[in-house]
Amino acid sequence: MKPKRSGWFRWIEASGQLMEALVRFGVLSSSAVAAALGQFLLAGGLAIIALGLFLRLWRGRLNEAKNQR
């Protein structure tokens, strides 16, 4: 008996199979797939850095506001 998969996992698996089929039929090249994945990874990394910077600045301003009271 197969374990039940969540909807998110099934969506990721289906998109991976679609990408594989497109590469096999020559619609997409593997370098285009690698470039797209690289852009998503870069965007995710930059988003994490931006979130950390935002939280750091926000925390600093909250501490300044507490000290001025």
PDB file of N, CA and C in Angstrom:
ATOM      1  N   MET A   1       0.834  -1.171   0.000  1.00  0.00           N
ATOM      2  CA  MET A   1       0.000   0.000   0.000  1.00  0.00           C
ATOM      3  C   MET A   1       0.890   1.251   0.000  1.00  0.00           C
ATOM      4  N   LYS A   2       0.601   2.165  -0.924  1.00  0.00           N
ATOM      5  CA  LYS A   2       1.377   3.395  -1.025  1.00  0.00           C
ATOM      6  C   LYS A   2       0.930   4.388   0.043  1.00  0.00           C
ATOM      7  N   PRO A   3       1.883   5.130   0.600  1.00  0.00           N
ATOM      8  CA  PRO A   3       1.476   6.175   1.549  1.00  0.00           C
ATOM      9  C   PRO A   3       0.762   7.306   0.809  1.00  0.00           C
ATOM     10  N   LYS A   4      -0.164   7.953   1.500  1.00  0.00           N
ATOM     11  CA  LYS A   4      -0.882   9.067   0.885  1.00  0.00           C
ATOM     12  C   LYS A   4       0.051  10.255   0.739  1.00  0.00           C
ATOM     13  N   ARG A   5       0.037  10.856  -0.416  1.00  0.00           N
ATOM     14  CA  ARG A   5       0.874  12.023  -0.693  1.00  0.00           C
ATOM     15  C   ARG A   5       0.019  13.281  -0.596  1.00  0.00           C
ATOM     16  N   SER A   6       0.635  14.329  -0.152  1.00  0.00           N
ATOM     17  CA  SER A   6      -0.093  15.592  -0.068  1.00  0.00           C
ATOM     18  C   SER A   6      -0.253  16.184  -1.464  1.00  0.00           C
ATOM     19  N   GLY A   7      -1.123  17.147  -1.590  1.00  0.00           N
ATOM     20  CA  GLY A   7      -1.360  17.794  -2.871  1.00  0.00           C
ATOM     21  C   GLY A   7      -0.131  18.524  -3.373  1.00  0.00           C
ATOM     22  N   TRP A   8       0.617  19.119  -2.454  1.00  0.00           N
ATOM     23  CA  TRP A   8       1.838  19.847  -2.814  1.00  0.00           C
ATOM     24  C   TRP A   8       2.871  18.902  -3.417  1.00  0.00           C
ATOM     25  N   PHE A   9       3.041  17.729  -2.812  1.00  0.00           N
ATOM     26  CA  PHE A   9       4.012  16.761  -3.322  1.00  0.00           C
ATOM     27  C   PHE A   9       3.596  16.270  -4.700  1.00  0.00           C
ATOM     28  N   ARG A  10       2.313  16.008  -4.894  1.00  0.00           N
ATOM     29  CA  ARG A  10       1.835  15.527  -6.200  1.00  0.00           C
ATOM     30  C   ARG A  10       2.043  16.584  -7.268  1.00  0.00           C
ATOM     31  N   TRP A  11       1.852  17.856  -6.914  1.00  0.00           N
ATOM     32  CA  TRP A  11       2.046  18.933  -7.876  1.00  0.00           C
ATOM     33  C   TRP A  11       3.509  19.016  -8.289  1.00  0.00           C
ATOM     34  N   ILE A  12       4.412  18.889  -7.338  1.00  0.00           N
ATOM     35  CA  ILE A  12       5.848  18.945  -7.639  1.00  0.00           C
ATOM     36  C   ILE A  12       6.248  17.756  -8.514  1.00  0.00           C
ATOM     37  N   GLU A  13       5.743  16.585  -8.183  1.00  0.00           N
ATOM     38  CA  GLU A  13       6.073  15.394  -8.968  1.00  0.00           C
ATOM     39  C   GLU A  13       5.530  15.505 -10.396  1.00  0.00           C
ATOM     40  N   ALA A  14       4.321  15.999 -10.541  1.00  0.00           N
ATOM     41  CA  ALA A  14       3.726  16.149 -11.876  1.00  0.00           C
ATOM     42  C   ALA A  14       4.491  17.178 -12.703  1.00  0.00           C
ATOM     43  N   SER A  15       4.915  18.280 -12.079  1.00  0.00           N
ATOM     44  CA  SER A  15       5.671  19.277 -12.825  1.00  0.00           C
ATOM     45  C   SER A  15       7.034  18.729 -13.246  1.00  0.00           C
ATOM     46  N   GLY A  16       7.636  17.907 -12.393  1.00  0.00           N
ATOM     47  CA  GLY A  16       8.906  17.268 -12.763  1.00  0.00           C
ATOM     48  C   GLY A  16       8.754  16.320 -13.931  1.00  0.00           C
ATOM     49  N   GLN A  17       7.679  15.576 -13.955  1.00  0.00           N
ATOM     50  CA  GLN A  17       7.429  14.666 -15.078  1.00  0.00           C
ATOM     51  C   GLN A  17       7.140  15.435 -16.356  1.00  0.00           C
ATOM     52  N   LEU A  18       6.427  16.553 -16.251  1.00  0.00           N
ATOM     53  CA  LEU A  18       6.159  17.390 -17.413  1.00  0.00           C
ATOM     54  C   LEU A  18       7.452  17.959 -17.972  1.00  0.00           C
ATOM     55  N   MET A  19       8.328  18.447 -17.094  1.00  0.00           N
ATOM     56  CA  MET A  19       9.616  18.987 -17.540  1.00  0.00           C
ATOM     57  C   MET A  19      10.450  17.911 -18.223  1.00  0.00           C
ATOM     58  N   GLU A  20      10.437  16.710 -17.652  1.00  0.00           N
ATOM     59  CA  GLU A  20      11.195  15.611 -18.253  1.00  0.00           C
ATOM     60  C   GLU A  20      10.669  15.295 -19.645  1.00  0.00           C
ATOM     61  N   ALA A  21       9.366  15.275 -19.799  1.00  0.00           N
ATOM     62  CA  ALA A  21       8.778  14.990 -21.112  1.00  0.00           C
ATOM     63  C   ALA A  21       9.132  16.083 -22.118  1.00  0.00           C
ATOM     64  N   LEU A  22       9.097  17.341 -21.699  1.00  0.00           N
ATOM     65  CA  LEU A  22       9.441  18.440 -22.606  1.00  0.00           C
ATOM     66  C   LEU A  22      10.902  18.366 -23.039  1.00  0.00           C
ATOM     67  N   VAL A  23      11.780  17.983 -22.129  1.00  0.00           N
ATOM     68  CA  VAL A  23      13.199  17.855 -22.472  1.00  0.00           C
ATOM     69  C   VAL A  23      13.403  16.692 -23.434  1.00  0.00           C
ATOM     70  N   ARG A  24      12.708  15.577 -23.193  1.00  0.00           N
ATOM     71  CA  ARG A  24      12.864  14.411 -24.074  1.00  0.00           C
ATOM     72  C   ARG A  24      12.390  14.685 -25.488  1.00  0.00           C
ATOM     73  N   PHE A  25      11.322  15.470 -25.635  1.00  0.00           N
ATOM     74  CA  PHE A  25      10.808  15.776 -26.967  1.00  0.00           C
ATOM     75  C   PHE A  25      11.543  16.935 -27.620  1.00  0.00           C
ATOM     76  N   GLY A  26      12.451  17.546 -26.921  1.00  0.00           N
ATOM     77  CA  GLY A  26      13.263  18.607 -27.485  1.00  0.00           C
ATOM     78  C   GLY A  26      12.612  19.977 -27.454  1.00  0.00           C
ATOM     79  N   VAL A  27      11.504  20.098 -26.752  1.00  0.00           N
ATOM     80  CA  VAL A  27      10.849  21.400 -26.644  1.00  0.00           C
ATOM     81  C   VAL A  27      11.691  22.332 -25.780  1.00  0.00           C
ATOM     82  N   LEU A  28      12.244  21.807 -24.717  1.00  0.00           N
ATOM     83  CA  LEU A  28      13.143  22.553 -23.834  1.00  0.00           C
ATOM     84  C   LEU A  28      14.507  21.893 -23.848  1.00  0.00           C
ATOM     85  N   SER A  29      15.523  22.699 -23.688  1.00  0.00           N
ATOM     86  CA  SER A  29      16.848  22.106 -23.534  1.00  0.00           C
ATOM     87  C   SER A  29      17.141  21.967 -22.045  1.00  0.00           C
ATOM     88  N   SER A  30      18.023  21.062 -21.726  1.00  0.00           N
ATOM     89  CA  SER A  30      18.350  20.852 -20.314  1.00  0.00           C
ATOM     90  C   SER A  30      19.053  22.074 -19.723  1.00  0.00           C
ATOM     91  N   SER A  31      19.756  22.828 -20.566  1.00  0.00           N
ATOM     92  CA  SER A  31      20.406  24.039 -20.050  1.00  0.00           C
ATOM     93  C   SER A  31      19.370  25.109 -19.694  1.00  0.00           C
ATOM     94  N   ALA A  32      18.264  25.163 -20.431  1.00  0.00           N
ATOM     95  CA  ALA A  32      17.194  26.119 -20.093  1.00  0.00           C
ATOM     96  C   ALA A  32      16.547  25.735 -18.774  1.00  0.00           C
ATOM     97  N   VAL A  33      16.370  24.443 -18.551  1.00  0.00           N
ATOM     98  CA  VAL A  33      15.796  23.969 -17.288  1.00  0.00           C
ATOM     99  C   VAL A  33      16.737  24.296 -16.137  1.00  0.00           C
ATOM    100  N   ALA A  34      18.035  24.063 -16.343  1.00  0.00           N
ATOM    101  CA  ALA A  34      19.019  24.354 -15.301  1.00  0.00           C
ATOM    102  C   ALA A  34      19.075  25.855 -15.008  1.00  0.00           C
ATOM    103  N   ALA A  35      18.980  26.687 -16.037  1.00  0.00           N
ATOM    104  CA  ALA A  35      18.999  28.137 -15.830  1.00  0.00           C
ATOM    105  C   ALA A  35      17.767  28.588 -15.060  1.00  0.00           C
ATOM    106  N   ALA A  36      16.606  28.031 -15.386  1.00  0.00           N
ATOM    107  CA  ALA A  36      15.378  28.404 -14.682  1.00  0.00           C
ATOM    108  C   ALA A  36      15.446  27.989 -13.216  1.00  0.00           C
ATOM    109  N   LEU A  37      15.919  26.774 -12.961  1.00  0.00           N
ATOM    110  CA  LEU A  37      16.042  26.319 -11.576  1.00  0.00           C
ATOM    111  C   LEU A  37      17.056  27.164 -10.812  1.00  0.00           C
ATOM    112  N   GLY A  38      18.130  27.538 -11.477  1.00  0.00           N
ATOM    113  CA  GLY A  38      19.136  28.385 -10.846  1.00  0.00           C
ATOM    114  C   GLY A  38      18.574  29.746 -10.473  1.00  0.00           C
ATOM    115  N   GLN A  39      17.734  30.290 -11.337  1.00  0.00           N
ATOM    116  CA  GLN A  39      17.118  31.585 -11.033  1.00  0.00           C
ATOM    117  C   GLN A  39      16.187  31.478  -9.836  1.00  0.00           C
ATOM    118  N   PHE A  40      15.420  30.384  -9.754  1.00  0.00           N
ATOM    119  CA  PHE A  40      14.533  30.200  -8.605  1.00  0.00           C
ATOM    120  C   PHE A  40      15.334  30.037  -7.315  1.00  0.00           C
ATOM    121  N   LEU A  41      16.428  29.286  -7.370  1.00  0.00           N
ATOM    122  CA  LEU A  41      17.265  29.119  -6.179  1.00  0.00           C
ATOM    123  C   LEU A  41      17.897  30.435  -5.767  1.00  0.00           C
ATOM    124  N   LEU A  42      18.361  31.217  -6.746  1.00  0.00           N
ATOM    125  CA  LEU A  42      18.942  32.512  -6.442  1.00  0.00           C
ATOM    126  C   LEU A  42      17.901  33.450  -5.840  1.00  0.00           C
ATOM    127  N   ALA A  43      16.704  33.449  -6.407  1.00  0.00           N
ATOM    128  CA  ALA A  43      15.629  34.299  -5.877  1.00  0.00           C
ATOM    129  C   ALA A  43      15.276  33.894  -4.450  1.00  0.00           C
ATOM    130  N   GLY A  44      15.243  32.597  -4.177  1.00  0.00           N
ATOM    131  CA  GLY A  44      14.949  32.134  -2.822  1.00  0.00           C
ATOM    132  C   GLY A  44      16.025  32.551  -1.837  1.00  0.00           C
ATOM    133  N   GLY A  45      17.270  32.419  -2.233  1.00  0.00           N
ATOM    134  CA  GLY A  45      18.371  32.818  -1.365  1.00  0.00           C
ATOM    135  C   GLY A  45      18.363  34.313  -1.089  1.00  0.00           C
ATOM    136  N   LEU A  46      18.118  35.111  -2.124  1.00  0.00           N
ATOM    137  CA  LEU A  46      18.062  36.552  -1.928  1.00  0.00           C
ATOM    138  C   LEU A  46      16.864  36.955  -1.077  1.00  0.00           C
ATOM    139  N   ALA A  47      15.750  36.246  -1.218  1.00  0.00           N
ATOM    140  CA  ALA A  47      14.580  36.539  -0.388  1.00  0.00           C
ATOM    141  C   ALA A  47      14.869  36.246   1.080  1.00  0.00           C
ATOM    142  N   ILE A  48      15.588  35.175   1.351  1.00  0.00           N
ATOM    143  CA  ILE A  48      15.940  34.840   2.729  1.00  0.00           C
ATOM    144  C   ILE A  48      16.871  35.898   3.316  1.00  0.00           C
ATOM    145  N   ILE A  49      17.838  36.355   2.527  1.00  0.00           N
ATOM    146  CA  ILE A  49      18.748  37.402   2.994  1.00  0.00           C
ATOM    147  C   ILE A  49      17.982  38.698   3.252  1.00  0.00           C
ATOM    148  N   ALA A  50      17.077  39.059   2.344  1.00  0.00           N
ATOM    149  CA  ALA A  50      16.295  40.282   2.514  1.00  0.00           C
ATOM    150  C   ALA A  50      15.396  40.194   3.749  1.00  0.00           C
ATOM    151  N   LEU A  51      14.808  39.031   3.974  1.00  0.00           N
ATOM    152  CA  LEU A  51      13.966  38.860   5.159  1.00  0.00           C
ATOM    153  C   LEU A  51      14.802  38.995   6.433  1.00  0.00           C
ATOM    154  N   GLY A  52      15.974  38.396   6.445  1.00  0.00           N
ATOM    155  CA  GLY A  52      16.854  38.514   7.603  1.00  0.00           C
ATOM    156  C   GLY A  52      17.282  39.950   7.851  1.00  0.00           C
ATOM    157  N   LEU A  53      17.593  40.674   6.780  1.00  0.00           N
ATOM    158  CA  LEU A  53      17.976  42.078   6.917  1.00  0.00           C
ATOM    159  C   LEU A  53      16.807  42.903   7.440  1.00  0.00           C
ATOM    160  N   PHE A  54      15.614  42.666   6.900  1.00  0.00           N
ATOM    161  CA  PHE A  54      14.425  43.389   7.353  1.00  0.00           C
ATOM    162  C   PHE A  54      14.167  43.125   8.835  1.00  0.00           C
ATOM    163  N   LEU A  55      14.242  41.873   9.242  1.00  0.00           N
ATOM    164  CA  LEU A  55      13.994  41.549  10.646  1.00  0.00           C
ATOM    165  C   LEU A  55      15.053  42.158  11.561  1.00  0.00           C
ATOM    166  N   ARG A  56      16.283  42.173  11.100  1.00  0.00           N
ATOM    167  CA  ARG A  56      17.361  42.769  11.902  1.00  0.00           C
ATOM    168  C   ARG A  56      17.138  44.264  12.086  1.00  0.00           C
ATOM    169  N   LEU A  57      16.789  44.951  11.005  1.00  0.00           N
ATOM    170  CA  LEU A  57      16.544  46.389  11.108  1.00  0.00           C
ATOM    171  C   LEU A  57      15.308  46.679  11.951  1.00  0.00           C
ATOM    172  N   TRP A  58      14.281  45.878  11.788  1.00  0.00           N
ATOM    173  CA  TRP A  58      13.045  46.062  12.544  1.00  0.00           C
ATOM    174  C   TRP A  58      13.296  45.856  14.035  1.00  0.00           C
ATOM    175  N   ARG A  59      14.080  44.847  14.354  1.00  0.00           N
ATOM    176  CA  ARG A  59      14.414  44.573  15.755  1.00  0.00           C
ATOM    177  C   ARG A  59      15.212  45.726  16.349  1.00  0.00           C
ATOM    178  N   GLY A  60      16.138  46.270  15.583  1.00  0.00           N
ATOM    179  CA  GLY A  60      16.932  47.393  16.053  1.00  0.00           C
ATOM    180  C   GLY A  60      16.076  48.617  16.320  1.00  0.00           C
ATOM    181  N   ARG A  61      15.111  48.877  15.479  1.00  0.00           N
ATOM    182  CA  ARG A  61      14.239  50.038  15.681  1.00  0.00           C
ATOM    183  C   ARG A  61      13.332  49.841  16.873  1.00  0.00           C
ATOM    184  N   LEU A  62      12.897  48.605  17.103  1.00  0.00           N
ATOM    185  CA  LEU A  62      12.069  48.338  18.273  1.00  0.00           C
ATOM    186  C   LEU A  62      12.867  48.553  19.550  1.00  0.00           C
ATOM    187  N   ASN A  63      14.127  48.124  19.557  1.00  0.00           N
ATOM    188  CA  ASN A  63      14.975  48.313  20.739  1.00  0.00           C
ATOM    189  C   ASN A  63      15.244  49.798  20.984  1.00  0.00           C
ATOM    190  N   GLU A  64      15.423  50.575  19.892  1.00  0.00           N
ATOM    191  CA  GLU A  64      15.635  52.008  20.056  1.00  0.00           C
ATOM    192  C   GLU A  64      14.389  52.678  20.649  1.00  0.00           C
ATOM    193  N   ALA A  65      13.230  52.258  20.212  1.00  0.00           N
ATOM    194  CA  ALA A  65      11.976  52.846  20.703  1.00  0.00           C
ATOM    195  C   ALA A  65      11.797  52.525  22.184  1.00  0.00           C
ATOM    196  N   LYS A  66      12.183  51.333  22.611  1.00  0.00           N
ATOM    197  CA  LYS A  66      12.073  50.962  24.016  1.00  0.00           C
ATOM    198  C   LYS A  66      13.028  51.789  24.882  1.00  0.00           C
ATOM    199  N   ASN A  67      14.230  52.038  24.351  1.00  0.00           N
ATOM    200  CA  ASN A  67      15.234  52.787  25.117  1.00  0.00           C
ATOM    201  C   ASN A  67      14.878  54.257  25.246  1.00  0.00           C
ATOM    202  N   GLN A  68      14.096  54.795  24.324  1.00  0.00           N
ATOM    203  CA  GLN A  68      13.742  56.213  24.379  1.00  0.00           C
ATOM    204  C   GLN A  68      12.597  56.483  25.348  1.00  0.00           C
ATOM    205  N   ARG A  69      11.873  55.482  25.749  1.00  0.00           N
ATOM    206  CA  ARG A  69      10.747  55.664  26.669  1.00  0.00           C
ATOM    207  C   ARG A  69      11.209  55.968  28.063  1.00  0.00           C
TER     208      ARG A  69
END
